Amino acid sequence: MKKVKLINLMTDEIRLGVLFFCMCFLLPVSAQTGQGNRITYKCSNEKLQRALMTVERQSGYYRLQYAMEDVAPYSVTANIKNATAEDAVKQLLKNTSLQYEMNGRFIQVYAKKQQASGRTRTVRGYVRDADGEALIGVPVCIGESRVCTVTDADGFYTFSIPVEDTMLKFSYVGMETAYVRIPGGSRDVSRDVALRSDNVLEDVVVTGYQEIQNPK
């Protein structure tokens, strides 16, 4: 009976030792994993969406949430070294009008909604292609809304926009969509825009043809 008690006592001591090991070593690792990995990332004129995806991937823990129409207009330049995910996002957003919030494992990026004053100003300019040729009928819209105008036969546009910070969207078939930010102000402004080809048609290869006769 004494030998049995001794074995039971040793088993209890072993169990306590294993528990102590887990508390001392495993918990700090879990805490470190819960905060994600540190971020080191350098970019120049990178699309904001791609930069945010890189931060999410390097973190290995946090998930970034945002609306495409909010982040699409922005390109960023940053040199992030050994930063937390939150600090990395803060650096990427510092030259934009976007904000962020931490919500557990989620970092939510969003556009600050401003109360419109109702006052307007005029923006005008020319829209051309990369060769300087005027583009006719290019829709010019306030952000992703349906408040738009179009360019005339000379590629010229004129548009009434709010005095608040405004994003203009220029979209045209066969061209890359361009976003131009107009900072807040009461004075009229001029913005010329050059649209680049999206190069979709350059990848098309003609492999042959078929002659079809009209039925008699």
Protein backbone atom coordinates (compact mmCIF):
# COMPACT_ATOMS: atom_id res chain seq x y z
CA MET A 1 0.00 0.00 0.00
CA LYS A 2 2.83 2.47 0.73
CA LYS A 3 4.37 1.94 -2.72
CA VAL A 4 1.06 2.71 -4.38
CA LYS A 5 0.69 5.97 -2.45
CA LEU A 6 4.25 6.97 -3.41
CA ILE A 7 3.54 6.37 -7.11
CA ASN A 8 0.33 8.40 -6.92
CA LEU A 9 2.18 11.25 -5.21
CA MET A 10 4.88 11.29 -7.91
CA THR A 11 2.20 11.30 -10.62
CA ASP A 12 0.59 14.36 -9.06
CA GLU A 13 3.96 16.13 -8.94
CA ILE A 14 4.56 15.36 -12.63
CA ARG A 15 1.12 16.74 -13.53
CA LEU A 16 1.83 19.95 -11.64
CA GLY A 17 5.17 20.27 -13.39
CA VAL A 18 3.59 19.92 -16.85
CA LEU A 19 0.91 22.48 -15.95
CA PHE A 20 3.55 24.92 -14.71
CA PHE A 21 5.51 24.48 -17.97
CA CYS A 22 2.42 25.27 -20.05
CA MET A 23 1.67 28.39 -18.02
CA CYS A 24 5.22 29.70 -18.26
CA PHE A 25 5.93 29.02 -21.92
CA LEU A 26 2.78 28.43 -23.91
CA LEU A 27 0.75 31.41 -22.70
CA PRO A 28 3.30 34.04 -23.75
CA VAL A 29 3.46 32.46 -27.21
CA SER A 30 -0.32 32.60 -27.50
CA ALA A 31 -0.35 36.25 -26.44
CA GLN A 32 2.27 37.09 -29.05
CA THR A 33 0.34 35.23 -31.77
CA GLY A 34 -2.87 37.03 -30.73
CA GLN A 35 -1.28 40.40 -31.61
CA GLY A 36 0.00 39.22 -34.97
CA ASN A 37 3.44 39.44 -36.52
CA ARG A 38 5.35 42.69 -36.91
CA ILE A 39 5.09 44.43 -40.29
CA THR A 40 8.01 45.47 -42.50
CA TYR A 41 6.90 46.84 -45.86
CA LYS A 42 8.21 49.39 -48.36
CA CYS A 43 6.21 50.64 -51.35
CA SER A 44 6.13 53.54 -53.80
CA ASN A 45 2.92 54.72 -55.46
CA GLU A 46 1.27 51.38 -54.63
CA LYS A 47 -2.47 50.86 -54.81
CA LEU A 48 -3.84 51.19 -51.29
CA GLN A 49 -5.84 47.97 -51.57
CA ARG A 50 -2.70 45.98 -52.43
CA ALA A 51 -0.79 47.61 -49.54
CA LEU A 52 -3.56 46.73 -47.07
CA MET A 53 -3.59 43.13 -48.35
CA THR A 54 0.17 42.94 -47.71
CA VAL A 55 -0.28 44.15 -44.12
CA GLU A 56 -3.01 41.55 -43.54
CA ARG A 57 -0.87 38.76 -44.97
CA GLN A 58 2.24 39.69 -42.96
CA SER A 59 0.25 40.06 -39.75
CA GLY A 60 -1.06 36.53 -39.93
CA TYR A 61 -3.75 37.45 -37.41
CA TYR A 62 -5.67 40.63 -38.19
CA ARG A 63 -8.28 40.88 -40.94
CA LEU A 64 -8.78 44.17 -42.76
CA GLN A 65 -12.26 45.26 -43.82
CA TYR A 66 -13.01 48.06 -46.29
CA ALA A 67 -15.26 49.03 -49.17
CA MET A 68 -13.64 48.95 -52.60
CA GLU A 69 -15.03 52.37 -53.54
CA ASP A 70 -13.36 53.88 -50.46
CA VAL A 71 -9.83 52.60 -51.06
CA ALA A 72 -9.75 52.46 -54.89
CA PRO A 73 -8.90 56.16 -55.43
CA TYR A 74 -5.70 56.04 -53.39
CA SER A 75 -2.10 55.09 -54.08
CA VAL A 76 0.40 55.21 -51.22
CA THR A 77 4.13 55.47 -50.56
CA ALA A 78 5.44 54.11 -47.26
CA ASN A 79 8.50 52.70 -45.51
CA ILE A 80 7.21 50.60 -42.61
CA LYS A 81 9.71 48.88 -40.34
CA ASN A 82 8.91 46.37 -37.58
CA ALA A 83 5.51 47.94 -36.88
CA THR A 84 2.33 46.51 -35.41
CA ALA A 85 -0.54 45.97 -37.83
CA GLU A 86 -2.35 48.98 -36.38
CA ASP A 87 0.67 51.27 -36.80
CA ALA A 88 1.19 49.97 -40.34
CA VAL A 89 -2.41 50.80 -41.29
CA LYS A 90 -2.07 54.23 -39.65
CA GLN A 91 1.00 54.99 -41.78
CA LEU A 92 -0.72 53.88 -44.98
CA LEU A 93 -3.74 56.09 -44.31
CA LYS A 94 -1.93 59.23 -43.13
CA ASN A 95 -2.17 61.05 -46.49
CA THR A 96 -5.74 59.98 -47.23
CA SER A 97 -9.12 61.06 -45.90
CA LEU A 98 -9.80 57.53 -44.63
CA GLN A 99 -10.07 56.43 -41.00
CA TYR A 100 -9.79 53.09 -39.20
CA GLU A 101 -11.13 51.34 -36.11
CA MET A 102 -9.86 48.31 -34.21
CA ASN A 103 -12.54 45.69 -33.47
CA GLY A 104 -10.98 42.56 -32.02
CA ARG A 105 -9.20 40.77 -34.84
CA PHE A 106 -10.66 43.17 -37.41
CA ILE A 107 -9.27 46.50 -38.60
CA GLN A 108 -12.04 48.43 -40.32
CA VAL A 109 -11.01 51.11 -42.85
CA TYR A 110 -13.70 53.54 -43.92
CA ALA A 111 -14.33 56.98 -45.39
CA LYS A 112 -15.38 59.70 -43.02
CA LYS A 113 -18.87 60.84 -43.87
CA GLN A 114 -19.06 64.60 -44.06
CA GLN A 115 -22.12 66.76 -43.66
CA ALA A 116 -22.58 68.56 -46.97
CA SER A 117 -22.95 72.33 -46.64
CA GLY A 118 -24.94 72.67 -49.87
CA ARG A 119 -22.44 75.20 -51.25
CA THR A 120 -20.79 74.43 -54.59
CA ARG A 121 -17.89 75.54 -56.80
CA THR A 122 -16.87 74.79 -60.39
CA VAL A 123 -14.22 72.39 -61.60
CA ARG A 124 -13.21 72.39 -65.26
CA GLY A 125 -10.54 70.90 -67.48
CA TYR A 126 -9.65 68.68 -70.43
CA VAL A 127 -9.55 64.89 -70.68
CA ARG A 128 -7.06 63.43 -73.17
CA ASP A 129 -5.39 60.13 -73.94
CA ALA A 130 -1.66 59.40 -73.58
CA ASP A 131 -0.99 60.95 -77.00
CA GLY A 132 -2.74 64.19 -76.10
CA GLU A 133 -5.82 63.52 -78.23
CA ALA A 134 -9.12 64.80 -76.85
CA LEU A 135 -11.51 62.14 -75.52
CA ILE A 136 -15.16 62.81 -76.31
CA GLY A 137 -18.05 61.73 -74.09
CA VAL A 138 -16.00 60.72 -71.03
CA PRO A 139 -18.26 60.47 -67.95
CA VAL A 140 -16.98 62.60 -65.07
CA CYS A 141 -18.70 61.67 -61.80
CA ILE A 142 -18.56 62.58 -58.14
CA GLY A 143 -17.09 59.39 -56.68
CA GLU A 144 -19.24 56.33 -57.29
CA SER A 145 -22.46 58.36 -57.46
CA ARG A 146 -24.62 59.04 -60.50
CA VAL A 147 -23.97 62.78 -60.33
CA CYS A 148 -22.02 63.12 -63.57
CA THR A 149 -21.25 65.20 -66.63
CA VAL A 150 -19.49 64.27 -69.92
CA THR A 151 -16.70 65.83 -71.97
CA ASP A 152 -17.58 67.71 -75.17
CA ALA A 153 -16.09 67.45 -78.68
CA ASP A 154 -12.87 69.07 -77.45
CA GLY A 155 -12.55 66.79 -74.42
CA PHE A 156 -13.55 69.71 -72.17
CA TYR A 157 -15.73 69.37 -69.09
CA THR A 158 -17.16 71.76 -66.51
CA PHE A 159 -18.88 70.55 -63.38
CA SER A 160 -20.42 71.91 -60.18
CA ILE A 161 -19.07 70.10 -57.13
CA PRO A 162 -19.39 70.60 -53.35
CA VAL A 163 -16.94 72.90 -51.56
CA GLU A 164 -16.05 69.93 -49.34
CA ASP A 165 -13.27 67.47 -50.19
CA THR A 166 -14.46 65.73 -53.38
CA MET A 167 -13.29 62.72 -55.40
CA LEU A 168 -13.87 62.80 -59.18
CA LYS A 169 -14.05 59.59 -61.20
CA PHE A 170 -13.12 59.54 -64.92
CA SER A 171 -14.11 56.33 -66.74
CA TYR A 172 -14.00 55.50 -70.43
CA VAL A 173 -14.22 52.30 -72.47
CA GLY A 174 -10.75 50.95 -73.23
CA MET A 175 -9.09 53.24 -70.69
CA GLU A 176 -8.06 52.77 -67.07
CA THR A 177 -10.41 54.49 -64.64
CA ALA A 178 -8.81 57.56 -63.03
CA TYR A 179 -9.65 59.12 -59.66
CA VAL A 180 -8.76 62.74 -58.92
CA ARG A 181 -9.11 64.22 -55.44
CA ILE A 182 -10.17 67.87 -55.24
CA PRO A 183 -9.31 69.27 -51.78
CA GLY A 184 -11.95 71.27 -49.96
CA GLY A 185 -12.19 74.97 -50.77
CA SER A 186 -14.49 77.67 -52.05
CA ARG A 187 -12.54 78.69 -55.18
CA ASP A 188 -13.11 77.25 -58.65
CA VAL A 189 -10.43 74.79 -59.75
CA SER A 190 -8.97 73.43 -62.99
CA ARG A 191 -7.93 69.79 -63.45
CA ASP A 192 -6.69 68.27 -66.72
CA VAL A 193 -6.64 64.47 -66.83
CA ALA A 194 -4.81 62.01 -69.10
CA LEU A 195 -6.31 58.53 -69.33
CA ARG A 196 -4.12 55.53 -70.11
CA SER A 197 -5.11 52.56 -72.24
CA ASP A 198 -6.00 49.41 -70.30
CA ASN A 199 -4.17 47.34 -72.97
CA VAL A 200 -6.90 44.69 -73.09
CA LEU A 201 -6.88 44.52 -76.90
CA GLU A 202 -3.09 44.17 -77.13
CA ASP A 203 -3.27 40.56 -75.90
CA VAL A 204 -5.63 39.45 -78.67
CA VAL A 205 -3.98 37.18 -81.28
CA VAL A 206 -5.63 36.43 -84.63
CA THR A 207 -5.13 32.74 -85.48
CA GLY A 208 -7.24 32.44 -88.64
CA TYR A 209 -10.48 33.35 -90.30
CA GLN A 210 -13.51 31.73 -91.83
CA GLU A 211 -15.35 32.93 -94.93
CA ILE A 212 -19.10 32.59 -94.62
CA GLN A 213 -21.15 32.77 -97.78
CA ASN A 214 -24.57 34.34 -97.80
CA PRO A 215 -27.29 31.78 -98.46
CA LYS A 216 -28.93 32.10 -101.87
